[in-house]
């Protein structure tokens, strides 16, 4: 497994932060550096049909080593990192034989990764953690997934005695800004189903995710000297404040869990003449999701009318709950569950409070549950990943390939549960 860690450390040092304000694909030129490196490594390890297209989507094939007709399965991960926190000059550090206490990430800045704030850290006492230096995110989301998929593929190449059908591999840009599957050619990929290796803690197995939308509110006002502003000034800032104050105060990320949805204001800027707020809207239930979008529009219309302001509302759906696309082929979840138990991992089946490429791919015709990659605290300086969790992800991928080869090809569909 030393190759696994070396790969991961090599990948996270390359800045691949995506940019939601860019219209190009990939959204940043710097994503190409890792993309081209991955292509070279895949060719060198002996994968076949390695391709990268003009938008940096990468695919490759591990051919079947059995004569029987088997389903073609895929494993997918993304190589961009979140725009929420810096990915420049990532300096990963190993914490071997973690003692269960505080980890000083940056003594100069007083940045400490503590189990008092992140109690799940204690689960990994005695293990080796990869952490940041407190100045950047780590990039385990989802460079851990990439390293795990390639390590599993190399292991299968080196161990031809393990039976498996045709395995397809796909790596995508721009997942963190909701576009990872936008230009993914499902037909050319040619898999019957796939798994994204993009979850968090060891054991996660997910086939439900948020319905997701991005909303931008832009208010336009009229600036007048404040001493003479009565009945004349229209303040764009307070117009947006009034709209946002109408949203349910408890339905925000920091006050919700499980299947509970939310509104999340993550950008606000502007002045009296023009102000802009950007939100994300999330809900597992499709009907409630639509009601959330309607509420925001109604609040904007009513406030604009009352304040004699102009407010523009742009709402763009990003992805939907893949549950309805997975249930008709639920055995693909069960084989992943069986694979985990076979390698000593207890499956943790729960809804994703987020999304993966798999949600969009499922709606494009490629059912795609999500499997853990092992990391925690994504998108920030407290991100970390236990090496042992990454090793288990490799074992799970290999075992899924082996188990799939042991089942009849027509056994993968059932009636919705």
Protein backbone atom coordinates (compact mmCIF):
# COMPACT_ATOMS: atom_id res chain seq x y z
CA UNK A 1 0.00 0.00 0.00
CA UNK A 2 3.00 2.34 -0.01
CA UNK A 3 2.15 3.23 -3.62
CA UNK A 4 -1.26 4.42 -2.40
CA UNK A 5 0.18 6.96 0.02
CA UNK A 6 2.86 8.12 -2.42
CA UNK A 7 0.24 8.68 -5.10
CA UNK A 8 -2.00 10.60 -2.77
CA UNK A 9 0.77 12.88 -1.51
CA UNK A 10 1.88 13.53 -5.09
CA UNK A 11 -1.62 14.49 -6.20
CA UNK A 12 -2.53 16.80 -3.31
CA UNK A 13 0.55 18.96 -3.88
CA UNK A 14 -0.86 20.00 -7.27
CA UNK A 15 -3.31 22.90 -7.06
CA UNK A 16 -6.55 21.98 -8.85
CA UNK A 17 -9.01 24.43 -7.31
CA UNK A 18 -12.06 25.00 -9.50
CA UNK A 19 -13.77 28.36 -10.09
CA UNK A 20 -17.58 28.77 -10.16
CA UNK A 21 -17.29 32.13 -11.94
CA UNK A 22 -15.54 30.65 -14.96
CA UNK A 23 -17.53 29.49 -17.98
CA UNK A 24 -14.80 27.21 -19.33
CA UNK A 25 -14.34 23.48 -18.77
CA UNK A 26 -12.26 22.83 -16.84
CA UNK A 27 -12.99 26.03 -14.99
CA UNK A 28 -9.28 26.59 -14.22
CA UNK A 29 -6.24 25.90 -16.36
CA UNK A 30 -4.33 24.50 -13.40
CA UNK A 31 -6.54 21.41 -13.34
CA UNK A 32 -4.79 20.28 -16.52
CA UNK A 33 -1.51 19.65 -14.67
CA UNK A 34 -2.91 16.81 -12.59
CA UNK A 35 -5.10 15.57 -15.44
CA UNK A 36 -2.08 15.08 -17.71
CA UNK A 37 -0.11 13.45 -14.90
CA UNK A 38 -2.92 10.95 -14.34
CA UNK A 39 -2.99 10.04 -18.02
CA UNK A 40 0.76 9.34 -18.00
CA UNK A 41 0.53 7.22 -14.87
CA UNK A 42 -2.43 5.22 -16.18
CA UNK A 43 -0.61 4.45 -19.41
CA UNK A 44 2.54 3.46 -17.53
CA UNK A 45 0.71 1.04 -15.24
CA UNK A 46 -0.78 -0.79 -18.21
CA UNK A 47 -4.39 0.39 -18.36
CA UNK A 48 -5.82 0.33 -21.87
CA UNK A 49 -7.75 2.84 -23.97
CA UNK A 50 -6.52 5.75 -21.83
CA UNK A 51 -8.08 8.95 -23.13
CA UNK A 52 -8.39 12.60 -22.19
CA UNK A 53 -10.73 14.88 -24.11
CA UNK A 54 -10.62 18.62 -24.79
CA UNK A 55 -12.42 19.33 -21.49
CA UNK A 56 -10.02 17.21 -19.38
CA UNK A 57 -12.36 14.25 -18.83
CA UNK A 58 -10.23 11.13 -18.43
CA UNK A 59 -11.28 7.53 -19.09
CA UNK A 60 -9.46 4.20 -19.19
CA UNK A 61 -10.15 0.47 -19.27
CA UNK A 62 -8.98 -2.56 -17.33
CA UNK A 63 -10.04 -5.43 -19.64
CA UNK A 64 -11.90 -8.46 -18.34
CA UNK A 65 -9.79 -11.49 -17.43
CA UNK A 66 -12.62 -14.04 -17.61
CA UNK A 67 -14.36 -15.50 -20.67
CA UNK A 68 -17.89 -15.10 -19.27
CA UNK A 69 -20.17 -12.24 -20.21
CA UNK A 70 -20.17 -9.91 -17.22
CA UNK A 71 -21.49 -6.43 -16.49
CA UNK A 72 -19.10 -3.57 -17.20
CA UNK A 73 -18.65 -1.56 -14.00
CA UNK A 74 -16.99 1.79 -13.45
CA UNK A 75 -15.18 3.72 -10.72
CA UNK A 76 -15.21 7.51 -10.85
CA UNK A 77 -13.55 10.34 -8.90
CA UNK A 78 -12.90 14.05 -9.43
CA UNK A 79 -9.57 15.86 -9.43
CA UNK A 80 -10.64 19.44 -8.70
CA UNK A 81 -10.72 20.85 -5.17
CA UNK A 82 -13.20 23.22 -3.58
CA UNK A 83 -13.10 26.98 -4.22
CA UNK A 84 -14.16 27.47 -0.58
CA UNK A 85 -10.59 27.33 0.73
CA UNK A 86 -7.10 27.68 -0.71
CA UNK A 87 -5.56 24.72 -2.51
CA UNK A 88 -2.30 26.51 -3.30
CA UNK A 89 0.97 25.15 -1.87
CA UNK A 90 -0.62 22.23 -0.05
CA UNK A 91 1.92 20.81 2.39
CA UNK A 92 0.59 17.49 3.70
CA UNK A 93 2.03 16.08 6.91
CA UNK A 94 1.88 12.56 8.35
CA UNK A 95 0.87 11.95 11.95
CA UNK A 96 1.91 8.33 12.61
CA UNK A 97 0.43 6.36 15.52
CA UNK A 98 -2.00 9.16 16.37
CA UNK A 99 -2.36 9.42 20.17
CA UNK A 100 -5.97 10.65 20.29
CA UNK A 101 -5.10 14.19 21.38
CA UNK A 102 -4.69 17.62 19.80
CA UNK A 103 -2.72 17.94 16.57
CA UNK A 104 -0.99 21.30 16.13
CA UNK A 105 -1.29 22.12 12.46
CA UNK A 106 0.29 25.55 12.62
CA UNK A 107 1.91 26.69 15.85
CA UNK A 108 2.58 30.19 14.59
CA UNK A 109 -1.11 30.80 13.82
CA UNK A 110 -2.43 28.73 16.71
CA UNK A 111 -4.33 26.32 14.44
CA UNK A 112 -5.10 23.05 16.20
CA UNK A 113 -7.01 20.00 15.00
CA UNK A 114 -8.67 18.89 18.22
CA UNK A 115 -10.91 15.94 19.13
CA UNK A 116 -12.72 18.30 21.48
CA UNK A 117 -14.15 20.00 18.40
CA UNK A 118 -13.92 17.01 16.02
CA UNK A 119 -14.68 14.00 18.27
CA UNK A 120 -14.56 11.52 15.37
CA UNK A 121 -10.77 11.94 15.44
CA UNK A 122 -10.63 9.55 18.40
CA UNK A 123 -11.83 6.69 16.17
CA UNK A 124 -8.43 6.78 14.51
CA UNK A 125 -6.24 6.52 17.58
CA UNK A 126 -3.19 4.45 16.70
CA UNK A 127 -3.55 5.06 12.97
CA UNK A 128 -1.58 7.27 10.57
CA UNK A 129 -3.30 10.52 9.64
CA UNK A 130 -2.51 12.86 6.76
CA UNK A 131 -3.20 16.47 7.79
CA UNK A 132 -2.64 19.99 6.46
CA UNK A 133 -0.28 22.72 7.68
CA UNK A 134 -3.26 24.91 8.58
CA UNK A 135 -2.96 27.19 5.55
CA UNK A 136 -4.82 25.16 2.92
CA UNK A 137 -7.28 22.35 2.48
CA UNK A 138 -5.77 18.89 2.00
CA UNK A 139 -7.51 17.68 -1.16
CA UNK A 140 -8.57 14.23 0.04
CA UNK A 141 -11.83 15.30 -1.58
CA UNK A 142 -11.30 13.68 -4.00
CA UNK A 143 -7.66 12.95 -4.66
CA UNK A 144 -7.93 10.16 -2.11
CA UNK A 145 -10.56 8.59 -4.37
CA UNK A 146 -8.29 8.88 -7.41
CA UNK A 147 -5.34 7.32 -5.58
CA UNK A 148 -7.54 4.48 -4.31
CA UNK A 149 -9.00 3.67 -7.72
CA UNK A 150 -5.60 3.59 -9.41
CA UNK A 151 -4.04 1.55 -6.62
CA UNK A 152 -6.87 -0.98 -6.89
CA UNK A 153 -6.50 -1.11 -10.68
CA UNK A 154 -2.76 -1.69 -10.40
CA UNK A 155 -3.34 -4.43 -7.83
CA UNK A 156 -5.74 -6.22 -10.17
CA UNK A 157 -3.22 -5.96 -13.01
CA UNK A 158 -0.55 -7.48 -10.77
CA UNK A 159 -2.90 -10.24 -9.53
CA UNK A 160 -4.55 -11.78 -12.60
CA UNK A 161 -5.75 -14.69 -10.45
CA UNK A 162 -8.53 -12.37 -9.14
CA UNK A 163 -11.44 -12.73 -11.59
CA UNK A 164 -13.11 -9.55 -12.81
CA UNK A 165 -15.06 -8.26 -15.77
CA UNK A 166 -14.28 -5.13 -17.75
CA UNK A 167 -13.59 -2.21 -15.43
CA UNK A 168 -13.95 1.37 -16.60
CA UNK A 169 -12.25 4.30 -14.83
CA UNK A 170 -13.29 7.95 -15.08
CA UNK A 171 -11.84 11.12 -13.60
CA UNK A 172 -13.61 14.46 -13.93
CA UNK A 173 -12.95 18.19 -13.45
CA UNK A 174 -15.18 20.73 -11.72
CA UNK A 175 -17.22 18.45 -9.48
CA UNK A 176 -16.89 20.91 -6.61
CA UNK A 177 -18.81 23.56 -8.55
CA UNK A 178 -21.57 21.14 -9.61
CA UNK A 179 -20.36 20.54 -13.18
CA UNK A 180 -18.37 17.33 -12.87
CA UNK A 181 -20.81 15.25 -14.90
CA UNK A 182 -21.97 17.94 -17.31
CA UNK A 183 -19.75 16.77 -20.16
CA UNK A 184 -19.32 13.15 -19.09
CA UNK A 185 -20.13 10.91 -22.07
CA UNK A 186 -22.09 8.08 -20.46
CA UNK A 187 -22.54 6.26 -23.76
CA UNK A 188 -18.84 6.27 -24.57
CA UNK A 189 -17.99 5.23 -21.00
CA UNK A 190 -20.00 2.09 -21.65
CA UNK A 191 -20.54 0.89 -18.09
CA UNK A 192 -23.70 -0.78 -16.82
CA UNK A 193 -23.24 1.03 -13.53
CA UNK A 194 -20.47 2.76 -11.59
CA UNK A 195 -19.41 3.92 -8.14
CA UNK A 196 -18.04 7.32 -7.21
CA UNK A 197 -15.28 6.98 -4.62
CA UNK A 198 -16.04 10.34 -3.06
CA UNK A 199 -17.53 9.73 0.39
CA UNK A 200 -16.13 10.61 3.77
CA UNK A 201 -15.53 8.26 6.70
CA UNK A 202 -14.70 4.59 6.30
CA UNK A 203 -17.83 2.51 5.65
CA UNK A 204 -19.96 5.18 4.01
CA UNK A 205 -22.19 3.79 1.26
CA UNK A 206 -24.70 6.23 -0.16
CA UNK A 207 -27.40 6.20 -2.79
CA UNK A 208 -29.43 9.20 -1.64
CA UNK A 209 -28.31 12.81 -1.94
CA UNK A 210 -29.70 16.32 -1.86
CA UNK A 211 -31.67 17.91 -4.63
CA UNK A 212 -29.58 21.01 -5.19
CA UNK A 213 -29.93 24.49 -6.67
CA UNK A 214 -27.86 27.66 -6.78
CA UNK A 215 -29.67 30.97 -6.28
CA UNK A 216 -28.42 34.48 -6.98
CA UNK A 217 -30.39 37.51 -5.77
CA UNK A 218 -29.46 40.91 -7.18
CA UNK A 219 -31.15 44.01 -5.77
CA UNK A 220 -30.96 47.44 -7.41
CA UNK A 221 -31.47 50.60 -5.40
CA UNK A 222 -31.22 54.37 -5.58
CA UNK A 223 -28.48 56.22 -3.75
CA UNK A 224 -29.35 59.62 -2.27
CA UNK A 225 -27.48 61.74 0.28
CA UNK A 226 -28.60 60.27 3.63
CA UNK A 227 -29.48 63.72 4.97
CA UNK A 228 -32.10 64.14 2.24
CA UNK A 229 -33.02 60.51 1.63
CA UNK A 230 -36.53 60.37 3.05
CA UNK A 231 -38.93 58.78 0.52
CA UNK A 232 -36.15 58.85 -2.07
CA UNK A 233 -33.41 56.38 -1.15
CA UNK A 234 -33.83 52.70 -1.99
CA UNK A 235 -31.12 50.70 -0.26
CA UNK A 236 -30.22 47.52 -2.15
CA UNK A 237 -28.44 46.08 0.90
CA UNK A 238 -31.45 46.33 3.21
CA UNK A 239 -33.71 45.04 0.43
CA UNK A 240 -31.72 41.82 0.33
CA UNK A 241 -31.57 41.69 4.11
CA UNK A 242 -35.35 41.80 4.29
CA UNK A 243 -35.71 39.01 1.73
CA UNK A 244 -33.22 36.80 3.57
CA UNK A 245 -34.82 37.50 6.95
CA UNK A 246 -38.01 35.90 5.62
CA UNK A 247 -36.32 32.51 5.27
CA UNK A 248 -36.87 30.00 8.11
CA UNK A 249 -34.09 30.80 10.63
CA UNK A 250 -33.60 27.18 11.69
CA UNK A 251 -33.21 25.84 8.17
CA UNK A 252 -29.51 26.54 7.73
CA UNK A 253 -26.59 24.09 7.52
CA UNK A 254 -25.42 24.65 11.08
CA UNK A 255 -28.85 23.74 12.49
CA UNK A 256 -29.84 20.76 10.31
CA UNK A 257 -28.81 17.13 9.88
CA UNK A 258 -29.89 13.87 8.25
CA UNK A 259 -32.53 14.45 5.59
CA UNK A 260 -33.31 18.00 6.72
CA UNK A 261 -32.88 20.58 3.98
CA UNK A 262 -31.64 24.15 4.20
CA UNK A 263 -30.92 27.54 2.66
CA UNK A 264 -27.25 28.52 2.83
CA UNK A 265 -26.14 32.11 2.26
CA UNK A 266 -22.45 31.95 1.36
CA UNK A 267 -21.79 35.25 -0.41
CA UNK A 268 -23.07 38.79 0.12
CA UNK A 269 -21.60 41.91 -1.40
CA UNK A 270 -22.57 45.31 -2.74
CA UNK A 271 -23.73 48.76 -1.80
CA UNK A 272 -26.78 51.00 -1.85
CA UNK A 273 -27.16 51.01 -5.65
CA UNK A 274 -26.60 47.29 -6.17
CA UNK A 275 -26.20 44.30 -3.86
CA UNK A 276 -25.83 40.61 -4.58
CA UNK A 277 -26.45 37.52 -2.46
CA UNK A 278 -25.61 33.97 -3.45
CA UNK A 279 -27.22 30.96 -1.80
CA UNK A 280 -27.45 27.24 -2.22
CA UNK A 281 -30.75 25.43 -1.68
CA UNK A 282 -30.77 21.79 -0.58
CA UNK A 283 -33.42 19.19 0.23
CA UNK A 284 -33.69 15.40 -0.10
CA UNK A 285 -37.42 15.57 -0.83
CA UNK A 286 -38.19 16.80 -4.36
CA UNK A 287 -41.51 18.40 -3.47
CA UNK A 288 -40.02 20.32 -0.53
CA UNK A 289 -37.09 21.32 -2.73
CA UNK A 290 -39.48 22.94 -5.21
CA UNK A 291 -41.28 24.72 -2.36
CA UNK A 292 -37.98 26.17 -1.15
CA UNK A 293 -37.29 27.68 -4.55
CA UNK A 294 -40.81 29.08 -4.73
CA UNK A 295 -40.50 30.64 -1.27
CA UNK A 296 -37.37 32.52 -2.29
CA UNK A 297 -39.05 33.87 -5.42
CA UNK A 298 -42.17 34.95 -3.49
CA UNK A 299 -40.12 36.73 -0.81
CA UNK A 300 -38.16 38.57 -3.50
CA UNK A 301 -41.32 39.65 -5.36
CA UNK A 302 -43.11 40.82 -2.21
CA UNK A 303 -40.13 42.71 -0.86
CA UNK A 304 -39.40 44.39 -4.19
CA UNK A 305 -43.00 45.52 -4.46
CA UNK A 306 -43.11 46.84 -0.88
CA UNK A 307 -39.81 48.70 -1.11
CA UNK A 308 -40.27 49.85 -4.71
CA UNK A 309 -37.01 48.18 -5.61
CA UNK A 310 -35.95 45.94 -8.46
CA UNK A 311 -34.80 42.46 -7.58
CA UNK A 312 -33.58 39.83 -10.00
CA UNK A 313 -33.75 36.16 -9.00
CA UNK A 314 -31.75 33.50 -10.78
CA UNK A 315 -32.19 29.90 -9.66
CA UNK A 316 -30.32 27.10 -11.37
CA UNK A 317 -30.86 23.43 -10.53
CA UNK A 318 -27.54 21.64 -10.06
CA UNK A 319 -28.44 18.00 -9.41
CA UNK A 320 -31.20 15.77 -8.06
CA UNK A 321 -31.57 12.93 -5.55
CA UNK A 322 -30.28 9.78 -7.27
CA UNK A 323 -32.37 7.48 -5.05
CA UNK A 324 -35.12 6.99 -7.62
CA UNK A 325 -32.53 5.90 -10.20
CA UNK A 326 -30.73 3.49 -7.86
CA UNK A 327 -33.67 1.62 -6.32
CA UNK A 328 -34.55 -0.28 -9.54
CA UNK A 329 -31.01 -1.69 -9.58
CA UNK A 330 -30.54 -1.97 -5.82
CA UNK A 331 -28.31 -5.09 -6.04
CA UNK A 332 -25.47 -2.75 -7.08
CA UNK A 333 -25.70 -1.27 -3.59
CA UNK A 334 -25.90 -4.71 -2.01
CA UNK A 335 -22.73 -5.94 -3.72
CA UNK A 336 -20.83 -2.92 -2.36
CA UNK A 337 -22.28 -3.66 1.08
CA UNK A 338 -21.13 -7.28 0.78
CA UNK A 339 -17.67 -6.16 -0.37
CA UNK A 340 -17.27 -3.96 2.68
CA UNK A 341 -18.21 -6.71 5.09
CA UNK A 342 -15.86 -9.10 3.30
CA UNK A 343 -12.88 -6.85 4.11
CA UNK A 344 -13.93 -6.07 7.67
CA UNK A 345 -15.74 -2.76 7.14
CA UNK A 346 -19.20 -2.19 8.61
CA UNK A 347 -21.34 -0.42 5.96
CA UNK A 348 -22.72 2.95 6.99
CA UNK A 349 -25.68 3.55 4.69
CA UNK A 350 -26.99 7.10 5.00
CA UNK A 351 -28.16 9.99 2.82
CA UNK A 352 -25.45 12.33 1.54
CA UNK A 353 -25.71 15.87 2.82
CA UNK A 354 -24.22 17.05 -0.43
CA UNK A 355 -23.83 15.68 -3.91
CA UNK A 356 -21.42 13.77 -6.08
CA UNK A 357 -20.92 13.32 -9.78
CA UNK A 358 -22.93 10.14 -9.26
CA UNK A 359 -26.18 12.01 -8.74
CA UNK A 360 -25.98 13.66 -12.16
CA UNK A 361 -24.61 10.53 -13.82
CA UNK A 362 -27.52 8.49 -12.45
CA UNK A 363 -29.93 10.84 -14.22
CA UNK A 364 -27.87 10.54 -17.42
CA UNK A 365 -28.37 6.77 -17.41
CA UNK A 366 -25.41 5.54 -15.34
CA UNK A 367 -26.60 4.40 -11.88
CA UNK A 368 -23.84 5.48 -9.55
CA UNK A 369 -23.85 5.00 -5.74
CA UNK A 370 -21.15 6.64 -3.65
CA UNK A 371 -18.47 4.87 -1.58
CA UNK A 372 -16.18 6.28 1.10
CA UNK A 373 -12.76 7.69 0.24
CA UNK A 374 -11.86 8.09 3.91
CA UNK A 375 -11.40 11.82 4.47
CA UNK A 376 -12.96 14.19 7.00
CA UNK A 377 -13.60 17.94 7.32
CA UNK A 378 -13.50 18.59 3.57
CA UNK A 379 -13.12 22.10 2.12
CA UNK A 380 -11.06 23.57 4.93
CA UNK A 381 -7.81 23.65 6.89
CA UNK A 382 -8.93 20.90 9.28
CA UNK A 383 -9.27 18.32 6.52
CA UNK A 384 -7.54 15.00 7.21
CA UNK A 385 -7.58 11.38 6.06
CA UNK A 386 -6.46 8.21 7.87
CA UNK A 387 -4.16 6.13 5.67
CA UNK A 388 -5.86 2.96 6.96
CA UNK A 389 -9.23 4.21 5.67
CA UNK A 390 -7.72 4.75 2.23
CA UNK A 391 -6.32 1.23 2.31
CA UNK A 392 -9.76 -0.17 3.12
CA UNK A 393 -11.24 1.75 0.17
CA UNK A 394 -8.75 0.00 -2.11
CA UNK A 395 -9.74 -3.37 -0.68
CA UNK A 396 -13.43 -2.60 -1.18
CA UNK A 397 -12.89 -1.63 -4.85
CA UNK A 398 -10.98 -4.85 -5.53
CA UNK A 399 -13.61 -6.95 -3.76
CA UNK A 400 -16.48 -5.32 -5.70
CA UNK A 401 -14.74 -6.29 -8.94
CA UNK A 402 -14.28 -9.85 -7.70
CA UNK A 403 -17.85 -10.24 -6.41
CA UNK A 404 -19.35 -8.84 -9.60
CA UNK A 405 -17.57 -11.60 -11.51
CA UNK A 406 -19.27 -14.21 -9.31
CA UNK A 407 -22.87 -13.24 -10.10
CA UNK A 408 -24.95 -13.94 -13.22
CA UNK A 409 -25.08 -10.91 -15.54
CA UNK A 410 -28.89 -10.71 -15.38
CA UNK A 411 -29.07 -10.58 -11.56
CA UNK A 412 -28.58 -6.86 -11.16
CA UNK A 413 -32.12 -5.56 -11.45
CA UNK A 414 -35.02 -5.87 -9.08
CA UNK A 415 -38.33 -4.29 -8.31
CA UNK A 416 -38.13 -0.90 -6.56
CA UNK A 417 -38.11 -1.20 -2.78
